[in-house]
Amino acid sequence: MSPSSQSRYCFVIPIYNHYPSVWDIIRKVQKTGIPLILVDDGSTDEMAGVDIENDHRLAGVTFLRHTGNRGKGAALLTGLTAAAQFSRWAITADADGQHSPADYPSLLQAVSPGTRPIVVGSRLGMDNKTIPWTSRHGRKFSNFWVRLAGGPKISDTQSGFRLYPLPETLDLAAHARRFQFEVEILVKARWSGMPVVEAPVSVHYQPGAARVSHFRPVVDFMRNTAVFSRLIFQRILFHPATRRRRGGP
């Protein structure tokens, strides 16, 4: 199903082997009344066998599917591209249950009249010991390198709960296609002069509960390093005016 009329907002949620947790977030988005685009990035769990045409749980959902796993960034791009056909803004959230779709008004309220910023949901309580260490320390690592690459100085560069203006976000032409897409897009936004602001949102990690996460510390550390090295090199090498023409500052 594709929305037939213009909508101001749309949810875009990428999934990959999130069958245990995705249904709860789908229900919560459906309660908001905002259109939902779900992008399955080549799941191999029970999600692969879901009859997307006839499953009543997907009523009103635009379900897009990659034939193989391309990465979170690629799934987000697929969803944002689809959303841009009928919506001016896309609200993104992760499918692992950490975000509450009901918090979306906080993102909207951070937009000043006449502006078109990226709004990042700054997750409250991320220093709590119940938060997985990869999330607590990875956020600090990411914040530092985003700033060093010329990106915005914000507190939660790894948050996937965001509000993106469309089609401006697509015009930033980020190259990363996995987790690194979300940090690269922030750097490219600041380079281009697009505002990046934050809004407080809740985060939900249940101690001892099973959580689907595809973050691999060693592999993704190497990918992060490669992306940040490229961005820092571009920032140093090119004059600011040149970076603007290339989609940079």
C-alpha atoms as a PDB file:
ATOM      1  CA  MET A   1       0.000   0.000   0.000  1.00  0.00           C
ATOM      2  CA  SER A   2       1.266   3.448  -0.889  1.00  0.00           C
ATOM      3  CA  PRO A   3      -0.180   6.636   0.589  1.00  0.00           C
ATOM      4  CA  SER A   4      -2.351   8.287  -2.034  1.00  0.00           C
ATOM      5  CA  SER A   5      -2.245  11.819  -0.689  1.00  0.00           C
ATOM      6  CA  GLN A   6       0.301  14.269   0.607  1.00  0.00           C
ATOM      7  CA  SER A   7       1.294  13.840   4.243  1.00  0.00           C
ATOM      8  CA  ARG A   8       3.335  16.219   6.309  1.00  0.00           C
ATOM      9  CA  TYR A   9       5.055  13.443   8.274  1.00  0.00           C
ATOM     10  CA  CYS A  10       5.883   9.789   7.764  1.00  0.00           C
ATOM     11  CA  PHE A  11       7.600   7.168   9.929  1.00  0.00           C
ATOM     12  CA  VAL A  12      10.451   5.221   8.310  1.00  0.00           C
ATOM     13  CA  ILE A  13      11.722   2.165  10.182  1.00  0.00           C
ATOM     14  CA  PRO A  14      14.469  -0.143   8.870  1.00  0.00           C
ATOM     15  CA  ILE A  15      14.427  -3.747  10.063  1.00  0.00           C
ATOM     16  CA  TYR A  16      16.808  -6.676   9.821  1.00  0.00           C
ATOM     17  CA  ASN A  17      15.947  -9.863  11.720  1.00  0.00           C
ATOM     18  CA  HIS A  18      13.834  -7.882  14.181  1.00  0.00           C
ATOM     19  CA  TYR A  19      10.850 -10.227  14.110  1.00  0.00           C
ATOM     20  CA  PRO A  20      10.559 -10.485  17.939  1.00  0.00           C
ATOM     21  CA  SER A  21      10.450  -6.719  18.519  1.00  0.00           C
ATOM     22  CA  VAL A  22       9.101  -5.100  15.370  1.00  0.00           C
ATOM     23  CA  TRP A  23       5.418  -5.828  15.953  1.00  0.00           C
ATOM     24  CA  ASP A  24       5.268  -3.764  19.117  1.00  0.00           C
ATOM     25  CA  ILE A  25       6.785  -0.718  17.438  1.00  0.00           C
ATOM     26  CA  ILE A  26       4.456  -1.147  14.441  1.00  0.00           C
ATOM     27  CA  ARG A  27       1.452  -1.074  16.788  1.00  0.00           C
ATOM     28  CA  LYS A  28       2.773   2.011  18.534  1.00  0.00           C
ATOM     29  CA  VAL A  29       3.318   3.855  15.240  1.00  0.00           C
ATOM     30  CA  GLN A  30      -0.143   2.869  14.025  1.00  0.00           C
ATOM     31  CA  LYS A  31      -1.616   4.480  17.156  1.00  0.00           C
ATOM     32  CA  THR A  32      -0.092   7.828  16.137  1.00  0.00           C
ATOM     33  CA  GLY A  33      -2.056   7.842  12.869  1.00  0.00           C
ATOM     34  CA  ILE A  34       1.098   8.773  10.939  1.00  0.00           C
ATOM     35  CA  PRO A  35       1.891   6.756   7.779  1.00  0.00           C
ATOM     36  CA  LEU A  36       4.559   4.083   8.248  1.00  0.00           C
ATOM     37  CA  ILE A  37       7.129   2.803   5.765  1.00  0.00           C
ATOM     38  CA  LEU A  38       8.841  -0.382   6.929  1.00  0.00           C
ATOM     39  CA  VAL A  39      12.000  -1.419   5.068  1.00  0.00           C
ATOM     40  CA  ASP A  40      13.095  -5.026   5.504  1.00  0.00           C
ATOM     41  CA  ASP A  41      16.806  -5.152   4.742  1.00  0.00           C
ATOM     42  CA  GLY A  42      16.915  -8.795   3.669  1.00  0.00           C
ATOM     43  CA  SER A  43      15.817 -10.442   6.915  1.00  0.00           C
ATOM     44  CA  THR A  44      16.496 -14.171   7.258  1.00  0.00           C
ATOM     45  CA  ASP A  45      14.437 -14.775  10.408  1.00  0.00           C
ATOM     46  CA  GLU A  46      10.666 -15.303  10.625  1.00  0.00           C
ATOM     47  CA  MET A  47      10.179 -11.907   8.978  1.00  0.00           C
ATOM     48  CA  ALA A  48      11.238 -13.418   5.661  1.00  0.00           C
ATOM     49  CA  GLY A  49       8.165 -15.658   5.713  1.00  0.00           C
ATOM     50  CA  VAL A  50       5.602 -12.979   6.547  1.00  0.00           C
ATOM     51  CA  ASP A  51       2.850 -12.608   3.953  1.00  0.00           C
ATOM     52  CA  ILE A  52       3.085  -8.840   3.601  1.00  0.00           C
ATOM     53  CA  GLU A  53      -0.034  -8.654   1.438  1.00  0.00           C
ATOM     54  CA  ASN A  54      -2.354 -10.457   3.825  1.00  0.00           C
ATOM     55  CA  ASP A  55      -0.946 -10.117   7.333  1.00  0.00           C
ATOM     56  CA  HIS A  56      -3.468  -7.988   9.245  1.00  0.00           C
ATOM     57  CA  ARG A  57      -0.687  -6.658  11.500  1.00  0.00           C
ATOM     58  CA  LEU A  58       0.662  -4.719   8.525  1.00  0.00           C
ATOM     59  CA  ALA A  59      -2.638  -3.015   7.712  1.00  0.00           C
ATOM     60  CA  GLY A  60      -1.928   0.460   6.368  1.00  0.00           C
ATOM     61  CA  VAL A  61       1.850  -0.121   6.355  1.00  0.00           C
ATOM     62  CA  THR A  62       3.985   0.430   3.265  1.00  0.00           C
ATOM     63  CA  PHE A  63       6.296  -2.588   3.351  1.00  0.00           C
ATOM     64  CA  LEU A  64       9.452  -2.493   1.222  1.00  0.00           C
ATOM     65  CA  ARG A  65      11.929  -5.363   1.044  1.00  0.00           C
ATOM     66  CA  HIS A  66      15.552  -5.652  -0.049  1.00  0.00           C
ATOM     67  CA  THR A  67      16.390  -9.022  -1.601  1.00  0.00           C
ATOM     68  CA  GLY A  68      19.612  -9.136   0.432  1.00  0.00           C
ATOM     69  CA  ASN A  69      21.188  -7.336   3.370  1.00  0.00           C
ATOM     70  CA  ARG A  70      22.591  -3.982   2.220  1.00  0.00           C
ATOM     71  CA  GLY A  71      22.985  -2.209   5.554  1.00  0.00           C
ATOM     72  CA  LYS A  72      20.982   0.119   7.773  1.00  0.00           C
ATOM     73  CA  GLY A  73      21.958   3.193   5.756  1.00  0.00           C
ATOM     74  CA  ALA A  74      20.779   1.592   2.536  1.00  0.00           C
ATOM     75  CA  ALA A  75      17.461   0.679   4.178  1.00  0.00           C
ATOM     76  CA  LEU A  76      17.044   4.226   5.479  1.00  0.00           C
ATOM     77  CA  LEU A  77      17.737   5.625   2.014  1.00  0.00           C
ATOM     78  CA  THR A  78      15.145   3.305   0.486  1.00  0.00           C
ATOM     79  CA  GLY A  79      12.596   4.451   3.050  1.00  0.00           C
ATOM     80  CA  LEU A  80      13.455   8.148   2.838  1.00  0.00           C
ATOM     81  CA  THR A  81      13.288   8.042  -0.961  1.00  0.00           C
ATOM     82  CA  ALA A  82       9.846   6.453  -0.796  1.00  0.00           C
ATOM     83  CA  ALA A  83       8.685   8.913   1.868  1.00  0.00           C
ATOM     84  CA  ALA A  84       9.839  11.895  -0.190  1.00  0.00           C
ATOM     85  CA  GLN A  85       7.231  10.998  -2.802  1.00  0.00           C
ATOM     86  CA  PHE A  86       4.397  12.083  -0.495  1.00  0.00           C
ATOM     87  CA  SER A  87       5.839  13.567   2.708  1.00  0.00           C
ATOM     88  CA  ARG A  88       7.834  16.661   3.697  1.00  0.00           C
ATOM     89  CA  TRP A  89       9.375  15.090   6.810  1.00  0.00           C
ATOM     90  CA  ALA A  90      10.424  11.570   7.815  1.00  0.00           C
ATOM     91  CA  ILE A  91      10.584  10.343  11.408  1.00  0.00           C
ATOM     92  CA  THR A  92      13.018   7.452  11.784  1.00  0.00           C
ATOM     93  CA  ALA A  93      13.228   4.991  14.658  1.00  0.00           C
ATOM     94  CA  ASP A  94      15.045   1.741  15.361  1.00  0.00           C
ATOM     95  CA  ALA A  95      13.151  -1.547  15.398  1.00  0.00           C
ATOM     96  CA  ASP A  96      14.791  -2.983  18.528  1.00  0.00           C
ATOM     97  CA  GLY A  97      12.287  -1.426  20.922  1.00  0.00           C
ATOM     98  CA  GLN A  98      14.539   1.215  22.466  1.00  0.00           C
ATOM     99  CA  HIS A  99      12.534   4.117  21.029  1.00  0.00           C
ATOM    100  CA  SER A 100       8.980   5.098  21.868  1.00  0.00           C
ATOM    101  CA  PRO A 101       7.153   6.401  18.772  1.00  0.00           C
ATOM    102  CA  ALA A 102       4.897   8.349  21.141  1.00  0.00           C
ATOM    103  CA  ASP A 103       7.863  10.678  21.776  1.00  0.00           C
ATOM    104  CA  TYR A 104       7.691  12.025  18.216  1.00  0.00           C
ATOM    105  CA  PRO A 105       6.048  15.365  19.259  1.00  0.00           C
ATOM    106  CA  SER A 106       9.303  16.252  21.032  1.00  0.00           C
ATOM    107  CA  LEU A 107      11.088  16.074  17.672  1.00  0.00           C
ATOM    108  CA  LEU A 108       8.468  18.203  15.947  1.00  0.00           C
ATOM    109  CA  GLN A 109       8.541  20.849  18.672  1.00  0.00           C
ATOM    110  CA  ALA A 110      12.276  21.356  18.123  1.00  0.00           C
ATOM    111  CA  VAL A 111      11.635  22.792  14.645  1.00  0.00           C
ATOM    112  CA  SER A 112      11.569  26.588  14.693  1.00  0.00           C
ATOM    113  CA  PRO A 113       9.123  28.302  12.292  1.00  0.00           C
ATOM    114  CA  GLY A 114      10.591  28.665   8.829  1.00  0.00           C
ATOM    115  CA  THR A 115      13.480  26.237   9.419  1.00  0.00           C
ATOM    116  CA  ARG A 116      14.226  22.799   7.961  1.00  0.00           C
ATOM    117  CA  PRO A 117      16.638  21.120  10.388  1.00  0.00           C
ATOM    118  CA  ILE A 118      17.577  17.543  11.093  1.00  0.00           C
ATOM    119  CA  VAL A 119      16.317  16.864  14.615  1.00  0.00           C
ATOM    120  CA  VAL A 120      18.149  14.190  16.611  1.00  0.00           C
ATOM    121  CA  GLY A 121      16.419  12.586  19.561  1.00  0.00           C
ATOM    122  CA  SER A 122      18.842  12.888  22.468  1.00  0.00           C
ATOM    123  CA  ARG A 123      18.201   9.782  24.557  1.00  0.00           C
ATOM    124  CA  LEU A 124      17.774  10.533  28.243  1.00  0.00           C
ATOM    125  CA  GLY A 125      19.592   8.401  30.814  1.00  0.00           C
ATOM    126  CA  MET A 126      22.230   7.013  28.466  1.00  0.00           C
ATOM    127  CA  ASP A 127      24.862   7.080  31.238  1.00  0.00           C
ATOM    128  CA  ASN A 128      22.834   4.635  33.312  1.00  0.00           C
ATOM    129  CA  LYS A 129      24.665   1.369  34.010  1.00  0.00           C
ATOM    130  CA  THR A 130      21.705  -0.607  32.672  1.00  0.00           C
ATOM    131  CA  ILE A 131      22.437   0.738  29.180  1.00  0.00           C
ATOM    132  CA  PRO A 132      24.595  -1.653  27.090  1.00  0.00           C
ATOM    133  CA  TRP A 133      28.245  -0.566  27.215  1.00  0.00           C
ATOM    134  CA  THR A 134      28.454  -0.509  23.411  1.00  0.00           C
ATOM    135  CA  SER A 135      25.754   2.165  23.382  1.00  0.00           C
ATOM    136  CA  ARG A 136      27.150   4.192  26.296  1.00  0.00           C
ATOM    137  CA  HIS A 137      30.743   4.335  25.110  1.00  0.00           C
ATOM    138  CA  GLY A 138      30.007   4.198  21.398  1.00  0.00           C
ATOM    139  CA  ARG A 139      27.981   7.377  21.690  1.00  0.00           C
ATOM    140  CA  LYS A 140      30.887   9.286  23.249  1.00  0.00           C
ATOM    141  CA  PHE A 141      33.294   7.988  20.610  1.00  0.00           C
ATOM    142  CA  SER A 142      30.923   8.990  17.838  1.00  0.00           C
ATOM    143  CA  ASN A 143      30.220  12.453  19.284  1.00  0.00           C
ATOM    144  CA  PHE A 144      33.943  13.261  19.368  1.00  0.00           C
ATOM    145  CA  TRP A 145      34.694  12.152  15.819  1.00  0.00           C
ATOM    146  CA  VAL A 146      31.609  13.775  14.326  1.00  0.00           C
ATOM    147  CA  ARG A 147      32.749  17.066  15.797  1.00  0.00           C
ATOM    148  CA  LEU A 148      36.325  16.544  14.581  1.00  0.00           C
ATOM    149  CA  ALA A 149      35.020  15.868  11.066  1.00  0.00           C
ATOM    150  CA  GLY A 150      33.279  19.244  11.075  1.00  0.00           C
ATOM    151  CA  GLY A 151      29.882  17.979  12.141  1.00  0.00           C
ATOM    152  CA  PRO A 152      27.517  19.446  14.735  1.00  0.00           C
ATOM    153  CA  LYS A 153      28.338  19.507  18.425  1.00  0.00           C
ATOM    154  CA  ILE A 154      25.477  17.449  19.807  1.00  0.00           C
ATOM    155  CA  SER A 155      25.166  14.950  22.643  1.00  0.00           C
ATOM    156  CA  ASP A 156      23.808  11.845  20.876  1.00  0.00           C
ATOM    157  CA  THR A 157      25.094  11.390  17.333  1.00  0.00           C
ATOM    158  CA  GLN A 158      24.202   7.675  17.394  1.00  0.00           C
ATOM    159  CA  SER A 159      20.516   8.092  18.108  1.00  0.00           C
ATOM    160  CA  GLY A 160      18.378   6.617  15.353  1.00  0.00           C
ATOM    161  CA  PHE A 161      15.238   8.453  16.509  1.00  0.00           C
ATOM    162  CA  ARG A 162      15.274  11.475  14.226  1.00  0.00           C
ATOM    163  CA  LEU A 163      13.267  13.892  12.121  1.00  0.00           C
ATOM    164  CA  TYR A 164      14.602  14.433   8.603  1.00  0.00           C
ATOM    165  CA  PRO A 165      13.472  17.156   6.169  1.00  0.00           C
ATOM    166  CA  LEU A 166      12.673  15.816   2.707  1.00  0.00           C
ATOM    167  CA  PRO A 167      14.017  15.985   0.071  1.00  0.00           C
ATOM    168  CA  GLU A 168      16.887  18.038   1.536  1.00  0.00           C
ATOM    169  CA  THR A 169      18.330  15.074   3.433  1.00  0.00           C
ATOM    170  CA  LEU A 170      18.557  13.005   0.261  1.00  0.00           C
ATOM    171  CA  ASP A 171      20.388  15.868  -1.450  1.00  0.00           C
ATOM    172  CA  LEU A 172      23.229  15.558   1.090  1.00  0.00           C
ATOM    173  CA  ALA A 173      24.373  12.437  -0.791  1.00  0.00           C
ATOM    174  CA  ALA A 174      25.928  10.480   2.085  1.00  0.00           C
ATOM    175  CA  HIS A 175      28.052   7.579   0.843  1.00  0.00           C
ATOM    176  CA  ALA A 176      27.929   5.193   3.824  1.00  0.00           C
ATOM    177  CA  ARG A 177      25.360   2.425   3.589  1.00  0.00           C
ATOM    178  CA  ARG A 178      25.552   0.779   7.007  1.00  0.00           C
ATOM    179  CA  PHE A 179      25.391   2.184  10.550  1.00  0.00           C
ATOM    180  CA  GLN A 180      27.822   4.912   9.551  1.00  0.00           C
ATOM    181  CA  PHE A 181      25.186   6.577   7.353  1.00  0.00           C
ATOM    182  CA  GLU A 182      23.621   8.202  10.415  1.00  0.00           C
ATOM    183  CA  VAL A 183      26.818   9.939  11.503  1.00  0.00           C
ATOM    184  CA  GLU A 184      27.897  10.881   7.984  1.00  0.00           C
ATOM    185  CA  ILE A 185      24.565  12.552   7.297  1.00  0.00           C
ATOM    186  CA  LEU A 186      25.084  14.799  10.347  1.00  0.00           C
ATOM    187  CA  VAL A 187      28.519  15.876   9.127  1.00  0.00           C
ATOM    188  CA  LYS A 188      27.242  16.495   5.604  1.00  0.00           C
ATOM    189  CA  ALA A 189      24.322  18.481   6.991  1.00  0.00           C
ATOM    190  CA  ARG A 190      26.564  20.873   8.880  1.00  0.00           C
ATOM    191  CA  TRP A 191      28.892  21.167   5.893  1.00  0.00           C
ATOM    192  CA  SER A 192      25.944  22.208   3.747  1.00  0.00           C
ATOM    193  CA  GLY A 193      24.605  24.710   6.289  1.00  0.00           C
ATOM    194  CA  MET A 194      21.560  22.611   7.243  1.00  0.00           C
ATOM    195  CA  PRO A 195      20.725  23.098  10.949  1.00  0.00           C
ATOM    196  CA  VAL A 196      21.057  20.088  13.252  1.00  0.00           C
ATOM    197  CA  VAL A 197      19.247  20.351  16.582  1.00  0.00           C
ATOM    198  CA  GLU A 198      18.384  17.981  19.413  1.00  0.00           C
ATOM    199  CA  ALA A 199      15.246  17.120  21.337  1.00  0.00           C
ATOM    200  CA  PRO A 200      14.945  14.980  24.482  1.00  0.00           C
ATOM    201  CA  VAL A 201      13.450  11.509  24.046  1.00  0.00           C
ATOM    202  CA  SER A 202      13.130   8.467  26.274  1.00  0.00           C
ATOM    203  CA  VAL A 203      15.075   5.253  25.789  1.00  0.00           C
ATOM    204  CA  HIS A 204      14.010   1.756  26.798  1.00  0.00           C
ATOM    205  CA  TYR A 205      16.514  -1.013  27.526  1.00  0.00           C
ATOM    206  CA  GLN A 206      15.120  -3.788  29.669  1.00  0.00           C
ATOM    207  CA  PRO A 207      17.859  -5.325  31.871  1.00  0.00           C
ATOM    208  CA  GLY A 208      18.233  -9.003  31.035  1.00  0.00           C
ATOM    209  CA  ALA A 209      15.746  -8.824  28.180  1.00  0.00           C
ATOM    210  CA  ALA A 210      16.655 -10.177  24.764  1.00  0.00           C
ATOM    211  CA  ARG A 211      17.514  -7.373  22.396  1.00  0.00           C
ATOM    212  CA  VAL A 212      18.209  -7.626  18.679  1.00  0.00           C
ATOM    213  CA  SER A 213      21.300  -5.619  17.814  1.00  0.00           C
ATOM    214  CA  HIS A 214      23.487  -6.026  14.755  1.00  0.00           C
ATOM    215  CA  PHE A 215      26.267  -3.748  15.939  1.00  0.00           C
ATOM    216  CA  ARG A 216      29.600  -5.626  15.817  1.00  0.00           C
ATOM    217  CA  PRO A 217      32.212  -3.772  17.886  1.00  0.00           C
ATOM    218  CA  VAL A 218      35.330  -4.743  15.886  1.00  0.00           C
ATOM    219  CA  VAL A 219      33.880  -4.667  12.377  1.00  0.00           C
ATOM    220  CA  ASP A 220      31.878  -1.504  12.931  1.00  0.00           C
ATOM    221  CA  PHE A 221      34.776   0.203  14.700  1.00  0.00           C
ATOM    222  CA  MET A 222      36.833  -0.346  11.541  1.00  0.00           C
ATOM    223  CA  ARG A 223      34.000   0.947   9.362  1.00  0.00           C
ATOM    224  CA  ASN A 224      33.540   3.970  11.608  1.00  0.00           C
ATOM    225  CA  THR A 225      37.256   4.684  11.399  1.00  0.00           C
ATOM    226  CA  ALA A 226      37.186   4.495   7.605  1.00  0.00           C
ATOM    227  CA  VAL A 227      34.204   6.844   7.306  1.00  0.00           C
ATOM    228  CA  PHE A 228      35.554   9.404   9.770  1.00  0.00           C
ATOM    229  CA  SER A 229      38.993   9.288   8.151  1.00  0.00           C
ATOM    230  CA  ARG A 230      37.410  10.043   4.782  1.00  0.00           C
ATOM    231  CA  LEU A 231      35.354  12.922   6.175  1.00  0.00           C
ATOM    232  CA  ILE A 232      38.270  14.457   8.072  1.00  0.00           C
ATOM    233  CA  PHE A 233      40.475  14.155   4.984  1.00  0.00           C
ATOM    234  CA  GLN A 234      37.831  15.914   2.883  1.00  0.00           C
ATOM    235  CA  ARG A 235      37.476  18.629   5.508  1.00  0.00           C
ATOM    236  CA  ILE A 236      41.231  19.285   5.580  1.00  0.00           C
ATOM    237  CA  LEU A 237      41.907  18.925   1.859  1.00  0.00           C
ATOM    238  CA  PHE A 238      39.196  21.060   0.341  1.00  0.00           C
ATOM    239  CA  HIS A 239      38.609  24.754   0.813  1.00  0.00           C
ATOM    240  CA  PRO A 240      35.223  25.480   2.426  1.00  0.00           C
ATOM    241  CA  ALA A 241      33.790  26.885  -0.805  1.00  0.00           C
ATOM    242  CA  THR A 242      34.847  23.715  -2.652  1.00  0.00           C
ATOM    243  CA  ARG A 243      33.238  21.513   0.010  1.00  0.00           C
ATOM    244  CA  ARG A 244      29.947  23.336  -0.429  1.00  0.00           C
ATOM    245  CA  ARG A 245      29.951  22.581  -4.144  1.00  0.00           C
ATOM    246  CA  ARG A 246      30.745  18.955  -3.346  1.00  0.00           C
ATOM    247  CA  GLY A 247      28.006  18.714  -0.713  1.00  0.00           C
ATOM    248  CA  GLY A 248      30.315  19.800   2.134  1.00  0.00           C
ATOM    249  CA  PRO A 249      30.806  23.018   4.166  1.00  0.00           C
END
